[in-house]
Amino acid sequence: MKTLDRFDVMARGDEIAFLASARSFLHHQVRSMVGTLKLVGEGRWRPDDVARALEAKDRTRCGPVAPPEGLTLLRVDYPSIPLPLASRAPPP
């Protein structure tokens, strides 16, 4: 299980943008969420269908995985962790 810090859905003209932020993601997690929400947008699923899929905690109950085209990694943030002193020593 992973926790999302943020998941926004925005209309941009003829396109829909999804912004997801988390410490880490499961394999195909965002694509699975987008594919599921696409079913809602098409009227094939209702919001309570999404709730049931999430409650099941079983990926096979979600909608299809969205294709990778259009998916863009915007950035990766790493925490500021000081390096050990030994790694800061100048080379001999």
PDB file of N, CA and C in Angstrom:
ATOM      1  N   MET A   1       0.843  -1.169   0.000  1.00  0.00           N
ATOM      2  CA  MET A   1       0.000   0.000   0.000  1.00  0.00           C
ATOM      3  C   MET A   1       0.891   1.235   0.000  1.00  0.00           C
ATOM      4  N   LYS A   2       0.507   2.230  -0.754  1.00  0.00           N
ATOM      5  CA  LYS A   2       1.222   3.507  -0.832  1.00  0.00           C
ATOM      6  C   LYS A   2       0.243   4.630  -0.527  1.00  0.00           C
ATOM      7  N   THR A   3       0.753   5.707   0.005  1.00  0.00           N
ATOM      8  CA  THR A   3      -0.080   6.866   0.335  1.00  0.00           C
ATOM      9  C   THR A   3       0.203   7.997  -0.641  1.00  0.00           C
ATOM     10  N   LEU A   4      -0.837   8.519  -1.247  1.00  0.00           N
ATOM     11  CA  LEU A   4      -0.699   9.675  -2.127  1.00  0.00           C
ATOM     12  C   LEU A   4      -0.739  10.940  -1.295  1.00  0.00           C
ATOM     13  N   ASP A   5       0.186  11.853  -1.564  1.00  0.00           N
ATOM     14  CA  ASP A   5       0.158  13.160  -0.913  1.00  0.00           C
ATOM     15  C   ASP A   5      -0.758  14.112  -1.678  1.00  0.00           C
ATOM     16  N   ARG A   6      -0.845  13.863  -2.984  1.00  0.00           N
ATOM     17  CA  ARG A   6      -1.641  14.758  -3.831  1.00  0.00           C
ATOM     18  C   ARG A   6      -2.046  14.013  -5.095  1.00  0.00           C
ATOM     19  N   PHE A   7      -3.286  14.246  -5.520  1.00  0.00           N
ATOM     20  CA  PHE A   7      -3.749  13.725  -6.804  1.00  0.00           C
ATOM     21  C   PHE A   7      -4.782  14.712  -7.328  1.00  0.00           C
ATOM     22  N   ASP A   8      -4.373  15.528  -8.265  1.00  0.00           N
ATOM     23  CA  ASP A   8      -5.248  16.559  -8.834  1.00  0.00           C
ATOM     24  C   ASP A   8      -5.629  16.185 -10.255  1.00  0.00           C
ATOM     25  N   VAL A   9      -6.846  16.531 -10.628  1.00  0.00           N
ATOM     26  CA  VAL A   9      -7.337  16.331 -11.982  1.00  0.00           C
ATOM     27  C   VAL A   9      -7.740  17.703 -12.507  1.00  0.00           C
ATOM     28  N   MET A  10      -7.162  18.105 -13.659  1.00  0.00           N
ATOM     29  CA  MET A  10      -7.409  19.436 -14.210  1.00  0.00           C
ATOM     30  C   MET A  10      -7.755  19.351 -15.692  1.00  0.00           C
ATOM     31  N   ALA A  11      -8.776  20.092 -16.085  1.00  0.00           N
ATOM     32  CA  ALA A  11      -9.123  20.192 -17.508  1.00  0.00           C
ATOM     33  C   ALA A  11      -8.261  21.279 -18.130  1.00  0.00           C
ATOM     34  N   ARG A  12      -7.656  20.934 -19.264  1.00  0.00           N
ATOM     35  CA  ARG A  12      -6.824  21.891 -20.013  1.00  0.00           C
ATOM     36  C   ARG A  12      -7.244  21.820 -21.472  1.00  0.00           C
ATOM     37  N   GLY A  13      -8.233  22.623 -21.829  1.00  0.00           N
ATOM     38  CA  GLY A  13      -8.758  22.566 -23.188  1.00  0.00           C
ATOM     39  C   GLY A  13      -9.387  21.215 -23.445  1.00  0.00           C
ATOM     40  N   ASP A  14      -8.914  20.533 -24.480  1.00  0.00           N
ATOM     41  CA  ASP A  14      -9.431  19.208 -24.826  1.00  0.00           C
ATOM     42  C   ASP A  14      -8.738  18.086 -24.051  1.00  0.00           C
ATOM     43  N   GLU A  15      -7.775  18.444 -23.205  1.00  0.00           N
ATOM     44  CA  GLU A  15      -7.021  17.434 -22.479  1.00  0.00           C
ATOM     45  C   GLU A  15      -7.357  17.468 -20.996  1.00  0.00           C
ATOM     46  N   ILE A  16      -7.082  16.374 -20.325  1.00  0.00           N
ATOM     47  CA  ILE A  16      -7.229  16.296 -18.881  1.00  0.00           C
ATOM     48  C   ILE A  16      -5.859  15.979 -18.320  1.00  0.00           C
ATOM     49  N   ALA A  17      -5.420  16.773 -17.356  1.00  0.00           N
ATOM     50  CA  ALA A  17      -4.105  16.571 -16.743  1.00  0.00           C
ATOM     51  C   ALA A  17      -4.286  15.993 -15.340  1.00  0.00           C
ATOM     52  N   PHE A  18      -3.434  15.048 -14.996  1.00  0.00           N
ATOM     53  CA  PHE A  18      -3.430  14.427 -13.678  1.00  0.00           C
ATOM     54  C   PHE A  18      -2.082  14.738 -13.035  1.00  0.00           C
ATOM     55  N   LEU A  19      -2.106  15.213 -11.812  1.00  0.00           N
ATOM     56  CA  LEU A  19      -0.878  15.505 -11.087  1.00  0.00           C
ATOM     57  C   LEU A  19      -0.871  14.656  -9.822  1.00  0.00           C
ATOM     58  N   ALA A  20       0.094  13.759  -9.727  1.00  0.00           N
ATOM     59  CA  ALA A  20       0.192  12.862  -8.575  1.00  0.00           C
ATOM     60  C   ALA A  20       1.511  13.108  -7.867  1.00  0.00           C
ATOM     61  N   SER A  21       1.445  13.127  -6.547  1.00  0.00           N
ATOM     62  CA  SER A  21       2.641  13.331  -5.749  1.00  0.00           C
ATOM     63  C   SER A  21       2.610  12.354  -4.575  1.00  0.00           C
ATOM     64  N   ALA A  22       3.739  11.675  -4.354  1.00  0.00           N
ATOM     65  CA  ALA A  22       3.839  10.716  -3.257  1.00  0.00           C
ATOM     66  C   ALA A  22       5.315  10.456  -2.970  1.00  0.00           C
ATOM     67  N   ARG A  23       5.565   9.855  -1.832  1.00  0.00           N
ATOM     68  CA  ARG A  23       6.939   9.480  -1.490  1.00  0.00           C
ATOM     69  C   ARG A  23       7.454   8.420  -2.460  1.00  0.00           C
ATOM     70  N   SER A  24       6.572   7.505  -2.856  1.00  0.00           N
ATOM     71  CA  SER A  24       6.902   6.478  -3.842  1.00  0.00           C
ATOM     72  C   SER A  24       5.598   5.944  -4.426  1.00  0.00           C
ATOM     73  N   PHE A  25       5.717   5.251  -5.546  1.00  0.00           N
ATOM     74  CA  PHE A  25       4.547   4.708  -6.222  1.00  0.00           C
ATOM     75  C   PHE A  25       4.723   3.222  -6.458  1.00  0.00           C
ATOM     76  N   LEU A  26       3.608   2.508  -6.529  1.00  0.00           N
ATOM     77  CA  LEU A  26       3.623   1.124  -6.952  1.00  0.00           C
ATOM     78  C   LEU A  26       3.765   1.079  -8.472  1.00  0.00           C
ATOM     79  N   HIS A  27       4.200  -0.048  -8.993  1.00  0.00           N
ATOM     80  CA  HIS A  27       4.331  -0.221 -10.441  1.00  0.00           C
ATOM     81  C   HIS A  27       2.977   0.025 -11.114  1.00  0.00           C
ATOM     82  N   HIS A  28       2.923   0.913 -12.065  1.00  0.00           N
ATOM     83  CA  HIS A  28       1.718   1.264 -12.824  1.00  0.00           C
ATOM     84  C   HIS A  28       0.607   1.894 -11.972  1.00  0.00           C
ATOM     85  N   GLN A  29       0.917   2.370 -10.779  1.00  0.00           N
ATOM     86  CA  GLN A  29      -0.116   2.918  -9.900  1.00  0.00           C
ATOM     87  C   GLN A  29      -0.853   4.103 -10.533  1.00  0.00           C
ATOM     88  N   VAL A  30      -0.125   5.071 -11.028  1.00  0.00           N
ATOM     89  CA  VAL A  30      -0.768   6.259 -11.605  1.00  0.00           C
ATOM     90  C   VAL A  30      -1.538   5.877 -12.866  1.00  0.00           C
ATOM     91  N   ARG A  31      -0.961   5.027 -13.695  1.00  0.00           N
ATOM     92  CA  ARG A  31      -1.654   4.600 -14.913  1.00  0.00           C
ATOM     93  C   ARG A  31      -2.938   3.850 -14.583  1.00  0.00           C
ATOM     94  N   SER A  32      -2.934   3.080 -13.521  1.00  0.00           N
ATOM     95  CA  SER A  32      -4.133   2.367 -13.097  1.00  0.00           C
ATOM     96  C   SER A  32      -5.205   3.347 -12.618  1.00  0.00           C
ATOM     97  N   MET A  33      -4.790   4.363 -11.864  1.00  0.00           N
ATOM     98  CA  MET A  33      -5.761   5.365 -11.386  1.00  0.00           C
ATOM     99  C   MET A  33      -6.352   6.152 -12.553  1.00  0.00           C
ATOM    100  N   VAL A  34      -5.514   6.523 -13.495  1.00  0.00           N
ATOM    101  CA  VAL A  34      -5.994   7.282 -14.662  1.00  0.00           C
ATOM    102  C   VAL A  34      -6.952   6.426 -15.490  1.00  0.00           C
ATOM    103  N   GLY A  35      -6.610   5.166 -15.715  1.00  0.00           N
ATOM    104  CA  GLY A  35      -7.496   4.274 -16.471  1.00  0.00           C
ATOM    105  C   GLY A  35      -8.838   4.100 -15.787  1.00  0.00           C
ATOM    106  N   THR A  36      -8.825   4.019 -14.460  1.00  0.00           N
ATOM    107  CA  THR A  36     -10.065   3.886 -13.696  1.00  0.00           C
ATOM    108  C   THR A  36     -10.910   5.155 -13.817  1.00  0.00           C
ATOM    109  N   LEU A  37     -10.269   6.312 -13.658  1.00  0.00           N
ATOM    110  CA  LEU A  37     -11.014   7.576 -13.762  1.00  0.00           C
ATOM    111  C   LEU A  37     -11.529   7.831 -15.178  1.00  0.00           C
ATOM    112  N   LYS A  38     -10.834   7.291 -16.170  1.00  0.00           N
ATOM    113  CA  LYS A  38     -11.318   7.419 -17.552  1.00  0.00           C
ATOM    114  C   LYS A  38     -12.674   6.723 -17.694  1.00  0.00           C
ATOM    115  N   LEU A  39     -12.844   5.589 -17.033  1.00  0.00           N
ATOM    116  CA  LEU A  39     -14.132   4.896 -17.076  1.00  0.00           C
ATOM    117  C   LEU A  39     -15.248   5.765 -16.497  1.00  0.00           C
ATOM    118  N   VAL A  40     -14.935   6.501 -15.444  1.00  0.00           N
ATOM    119  CA  VAL A  40     -15.929   7.415 -14.847  1.00  0.00           C
ATOM    120  C   VAL A  40     -16.266   8.527 -15.841  1.00  0.00           C
ATOM    121  N   GLY A  41     -15.234   9.091 -16.454  1.00  0.00           N
ATOM    122  CA  GLY A  41     -15.447  10.172 -17.424  1.00  0.00           C
ATOM    123  C   GLY A  41     -16.264   9.735 -18.628  1.00  0.00           C
ATOM    124  N   GLU A  42     -16.123   8.477 -18.996  1.00  0.00           N
ATOM    125  CA  GLU A  42     -16.889   7.947 -20.129  1.00  0.00           C
ATOM    126  C   GLU A  42     -18.298   7.518 -19.716  1.00  0.00           C
ATOM    127  N   GLY A  43     -18.598   7.573 -18.426  1.00  0.00           N
ATOM    128  CA  GLY A  43     -19.912   7.168 -17.947  1.00  0.00           C
ATOM    129  C   GLY A  43     -20.070   5.664 -17.785  1.00  0.00           C
ATOM    130  N   ARG A  44     -18.969   4.923 -17.911  1.00  0.00           N
ATOM    131  CA  ARG A  44     -19.038   3.464 -17.784  1.00  0.00           C
ATOM    132  C   ARG A  44     -18.961   3.015 -16.327  1.00  0.00           C
ATOM    133  N   TRP A  45     -18.387   3.852 -15.471  1.00  0.00           N
ATOM    134  CA  TRP A  45     -18.339   3.614 -14.032  1.00  0.00           C
ATOM    135  C   TRP A  45     -18.907   4.824 -13.321  1.00  0.00           C
ATOM    136  N   ARG A  46     -19.438   4.602 -12.116  1.00  0.00           N
ATOM    137  CA  ARG A  46     -19.890   5.696 -11.253  1.00  0.00           C
ATOM    138  C   ARG A  46     -18.823   5.907 -10.172  1.00  0.00           C
ATOM    139  N   PRO A  47     -18.823   7.051  -9.522  1.00  0.00           N
ATOM    140  CA  PRO A  47     -17.835   7.275  -8.450  1.00  0.00           C
ATOM    141  C   PRO A  47     -17.866   6.186  -7.373  1.00  0.00           C
ATOM    142  N   ASP A  48     -19.043   5.643  -7.064  1.00  0.00           N
ATOM    143  CA  ASP A  48     -19.074   4.586  -6.040  1.00  0.00           C
ATOM    144  C   ASP A  48     -18.423   3.290  -6.540  1.00  0.00           C
ATOM    145  N   ASP A  49     -18.339   3.099  -7.856  1.00  0.00           N
ATOM    146  CA  ASP A  49     -17.594   1.957  -8.389  1.00  0.00           C
ATOM    147  C   ASP A  49     -16.096   2.115  -8.077  1.00  0.00           C
ATOM    148  N   VAL A  50     -15.615   3.345  -8.158  1.00  0.00           N
ATOM    149  CA  VAL A  50     -14.215   3.625  -7.830  1.00  0.00           C
ATOM    150  C   VAL A  50     -13.977   3.351  -6.346  1.00  0.00           C
ATOM    151  N   ALA A  51     -14.901   3.812  -5.511  1.00  0.00           N
ATOM    152  CA  ALA A  51     -14.770   3.590  -4.065  1.00  0.00           C
ATOM    153  C   ALA A  51     -14.706   2.089  -3.754  1.00  0.00           C
ATOM    154  N   ARG A  52     -15.542   1.311  -4.407  1.00  0.00           N
ATOM    155  CA  ARG A  52     -15.535  -0.143  -4.182  1.00  0.00           C
ATOM    156  C   ARG A  52     -14.207  -0.764  -4.640  1.00  0.00           C
ATOM    157  N   ALA A  53     -13.688  -0.301  -5.757  1.00  0.00           N
ATOM    158  CA  ALA A  53     -12.411  -0.823  -6.259  1.00  0.00           C
ATOM    159  C   ALA A  53     -11.285  -0.502  -5.276  1.00  0.00           C
ATOM    160  N   LEU A  54     -11.290   0.701  -4.732  1.00  0.00           N
ATOM    161  CA  LEU A  54     -10.258   1.075  -3.763  1.00  0.00           C
ATOM    162  C   LEU A  54     -10.389   0.281  -2.469  1.00  0.00           C
ATOM    163  N   GLU A  55     -11.605   0.112  -2.022  1.00  0.00           N
ATOM    164  CA  GLU A  55     -11.839  -0.634  -0.781  1.00  0.00           C
ATOM    165  C   GLU A  55     -11.430  -2.099  -0.921  1.00  0.00           C
ATOM    166  N   ALA A  56     -11.526  -2.643  -2.128  1.00  0.00           N
ATOM    167  CA  ALA A  56     -11.169  -4.046  -2.361  1.00  0.00           C
ATOM    168  C   ALA A  56      -9.670  -4.284  -2.192  1.00  0.00           C
ATOM    169  N   LYS A  57      -8.860  -3.220  -2.366  1.00  0.00           N
ATOM    170  CA  LYS A  57      -7.396  -3.332  -2.268  1.00  0.00           C
ATOM    171  C   LYS A  57      -6.878  -4.463  -3.154  1.00  0.00           C
ATOM    172  N   ASP A  58      -7.457  -4.543  -4.339  1.00  0.00           N
ATOM    173  CA  ASP A  58      -7.117  -5.577  -5.308  1.00  0.00           C
ATOM    174  C   ASP A  58      -7.082  -4.910  -6.675  1.00  0.00           C
ATOM    175  N   ARG A  59      -5.918  -4.841  -7.267  1.00  0.00           N
ATOM    176  CA  ARG A  59      -5.773  -4.116  -8.517  1.00  0.00           C
ATOM    177  C   ARG A  59      -6.616  -4.676  -9.653  1.00  0.00           C
ATOM    178  N   THR A  60      -6.963  -5.937  -9.585  1.00  0.00           N
ATOM    179  CA  THR A  60      -7.792  -6.523 -10.643  1.00  0.00           C
ATOM    180  C   THR A  60      -9.206  -5.952 -10.617  1.00  0.00           C
ATOM    181  N   ARG A  61      -9.584  -5.286  -9.548  1.00  0.00           N
ATOM    182  CA  ARG A  61     -10.914  -4.673  -9.440  1.00  0.00           C
ATOM    183  C   ARG A  61     -10.926  -3.252  -9.997  1.00  0.00           C
ATOM    184  N   CYS A  62      -9.749  -2.724 -10.366  1.00  0.00           N
ATOM    185  CA  CYS A  62      -9.652  -1.371 -10.923  1.00  0.00           C
ATOM    186  C   CYS A  62      -9.903  -1.407 -12.421  1.00  0.00           C
ATOM    187  N   GLY A  63      -9.974  -0.228 -12.994  1.00  0.00           N
ATOM    188  CA  GLY A  63     -10.113  -0.120 -14.438  1.00  0.00           C
ATOM    189  C   GLY A  63      -8.812  -0.513 -15.124  1.00  0.00           C
ATOM    190  N   PRO A  64      -8.782  -0.436 -16.446  1.00  0.00           N
ATOM    191  CA  PRO A  64      -7.577  -0.814 -17.188  1.00  0.00           C
ATOM    192  C   PRO A  64      -6.434   0.168 -16.930  1.00  0.00           C
ATOM    193  N   VAL A  65      -5.229  -0.318 -17.103  1.00  0.00           N
ATOM    194  CA  VAL A  65      -4.048   0.533 -16.981  1.00  0.00           C
ATOM    195  C   VAL A  65      -3.989   1.435 -18.208  1.00  0.00           C
ATOM    196  N   ALA A  66      -3.879   2.741 -17.982  1.00  0.00           N
ATOM    197  CA  ALA A  66      -3.803   3.695 -19.101  1.00  0.00           C
ATOM    198  C   ALA A  66      -2.479   3.495 -19.841  1.00  0.00           C
ATOM    199  N   PRO A  67      -2.468   3.764 -21.151  1.00  0.00           N
ATOM    200  CA  PRO A  67      -1.219   3.605 -21.907  1.00  0.00           C
ATOM    201  C   PRO A  67      -0.183   4.644 -21.451  1.00  0.00           C
ATOM    202  N   PRO A  68       1.107   4.358 -21.657  1.00  0.00           N
ATOM    203  CA  PRO A  68       2.144   5.273 -21.180  1.00  0.00           C
ATOM    204  C   PRO A  68       2.257   6.570 -21.974  1.00  0.00           C
ATOM    205  N   GLU A  69       1.734   6.602 -23.192  1.00  0.00           N
ATOM    206  CA  GLU A  69       1.830   7.819 -24.004  1.00  0.00           C
ATOM    207  C   GLU A  69       1.156   8.976 -23.265  1.00  0.00           C
ATOM    208  N   GLY A  70       1.864  10.079 -23.164  1.00  0.00           N
ATOM    209  CA  GLY A  70       1.325  11.258 -22.502  1.00  0.00           C
ATOM    210  C   GLY A  70       1.671  11.331 -21.021  1.00  0.00           C
ATOM    211  N   LEU A  71       2.183  10.251 -20.455  1.00  0.00           N
ATOM    212  CA  LEU A  71       2.587  10.247 -19.057  1.00  0.00           C
ATOM    213  C   LEU A  71       3.985  10.839 -18.958  1.00  0.00           C
ATOM    214  N   THR A  72       4.143  11.847 -18.121  1.00  0.00           N
ATOM    215  CA  THR A  72       5.419  12.540 -18.017  1.00  0.00           C
ATOM    216  C   THR A  72       5.841  12.647 -16.558  1.00  0.00           C
ATOM    217  N   LEU A  73       7.049  12.242 -16.261  1.00  0.00           N
ATOM    218  CA  LEU A  73       7.620  12.446 -14.940  1.00  0.00           C
ATOM    219  C   LEU A  73       8.157  13.868 -14.898  1.00  0.00           C
ATOM    220  N   LEU A  74       7.583  14.690 -14.035  1.00  0.00           N
ATOM    221  CA  LEU A  74       7.990  16.089 -13.983  1.00  0.00           C
ATOM    222  C   LEU A  74       9.234  16.312 -13.138  1.00  0.00           C
ATOM    223  N   ARG A  75       9.319  15.624 -11.991  1.00  0.00           N
ATOM    224  CA  ARG A  75      10.509  15.796 -11.172  1.00  0.00           C
ATOM    225  C   ARG A  75      10.544  14.732 -10.079  1.00  0.00           C
ATOM    226  N   VAL A  76      11.735  14.552  -9.559  1.00  0.00           N
ATOM    227  CA  VAL A  76      11.957  13.675  -8.420  1.00  0.00           C
ATOM    228  C   VAL A  76      12.619  14.528  -7.349  1.00  0.00           C
ATOM    229  N   ASP A  77      12.054  14.522  -6.163  1.00  0.00           N
ATOM    230  CA  ASP A  77      12.625  15.285  -5.050  1.00  0.00           C
ATOM    231  C   ASP A  77      13.291  14.319  -4.087  1.00  0.00           C
ATOM    232  N   TYR A  78      14.508  14.629  -3.716  1.00  0.00           N
ATOM    233  CA  TYR A  78      15.225  13.835  -2.727  1.00  0.00           C
ATOM    234  C   TYR A  78      15.426  14.684  -1.482  1.00  0.00           C
ATOM    235  N   PRO A  79      15.277  14.085  -0.312  1.00  0.00           N
ATOM    236  CA  PRO A  79      15.499  14.857   0.912  1.00  0.00           C
ATOM    237  C   PRO A  79      16.964  15.239   1.031  1.00  0.00           C
ATOM    238  N   SER A  80      17.221  16.322   1.721  1.00  0.00           N
ATOM    239  CA  SER A  80      18.598  16.748   1.967  1.00  0.00           C
ATOM    240  C   SER A  80      19.178  15.896   3.084  1.00  0.00           C
ATOM    241  N   ILE A  81      20.063  15.013   2.718  1.00  0.00           N
ATOM    242  CA  ILE A  81      20.702  14.126   3.686  1.00  0.00           C
ATOM    243  C   ILE A  81      22.201  14.398   3.619  1.00  0.00           C
ATOM    244  N   PRO A  82      22.799  14.815   4.746  1.00  0.00           N
ATOM    245  CA  PRO A  82      24.248  15.065   4.713  1.00  0.00           C
ATOM    246  C   PRO A  82      25.015  13.777   4.433  1.00  0.00           C
ATOM    247  N   LEU A  83      26.040  13.890   3.636  1.00  0.00           N
ATOM    248  CA  LEU A  83      26.882  12.739   3.329  1.00  0.00           C
ATOM    249  C   LEU A  83      27.788  12.440   4.511  1.00  0.00           C
ATOM    250  N   PRO A  84      28.157  11.184   4.691  1.00  0.00           N
ATOM    251  CA  PRO A  84      29.111  10.862   5.775  1.00  0.00           C
ATOM    252  C   PRO A  84      30.408  11.625   5.583  1.00  0.00           C
ATOM    253  N   LEU A  85      31.083  11.948   6.667  1.00  0.00           N
ATOM    254  CA  LEU A  85      32.341  12.719   6.598  1.00  0.00           C
ATOM    255  C   LEU A  85      33.383  12.036   5.731  1.00  0.00           C
ATOM    256  N   ALA A  86      33.453  10.706   5.770  1.00  0.00           N
ATOM    257  CA  ALA A  86      34.463   9.993   4.984  1.00  0.00           C
ATOM    258  C   ALA A  86      34.299  10.276   3.493  1.00  0.00           C
ATOM    259  N   SER A  87      33.098  10.472   3.019  1.00  0.00           N
ATOM    260  CA  SER A  87      32.891  10.707   1.591  1.00  0.00           C
ATOM    261  C   SER A  87      33.219  12.133   1.208  1.00  0.00           C
ATOM    262  N   ARG A  88      33.416  13.021   2.198  1.00  0.00           N
ATOM    263  CA  ARG A  88      33.743  14.425   1.908  1.00  0.00           C
ATOM    264  C   ARG A  88      35.243  14.673   1.866  1.00  0.00           C
ATOM    265  N   ALA A  89      36.016  13.678   2.216  1.00  0.00           N
ATOM    266  CA  ALA A  89      37.463  13.859   2.261  1.00  0.00           C
ATOM    267  C   ALA A  89      37.990  14.106   0.851  1.00  0.00           C
ATOM    268  N   PRO A  90      38.946  15.017   0.710  1.00  0.00           N
ATOM    269  CA  PRO A  90      39.501  15.263  -0.637  1.00  0.00           C
ATOM    270  C   PRO A  90      40.280  14.046  -1.106  1.00  0.00           C
ATOM    271  N   PRO A  91      40.370  13.842  -2.399  1.00  0.00           N
ATOM    272  CA  PRO A  91      41.114  12.688  -2.921  1.00  0.00           C
ATOM    273  C   PRO A  91      42.597  12.832  -2.576  1.00  0.00           C
ATOM    274  N   PRO A  92      43.308  11.709  -2.436  1.00  0.00           N
ATOM    275  CA  PRO A  92      44.766  11.765  -2.081  1.00  0.00           C
ATOM    276  C   PRO A  92      45.595  12.367  -3.175  1.00  0.00           C
TER     277      PRO A  92
END
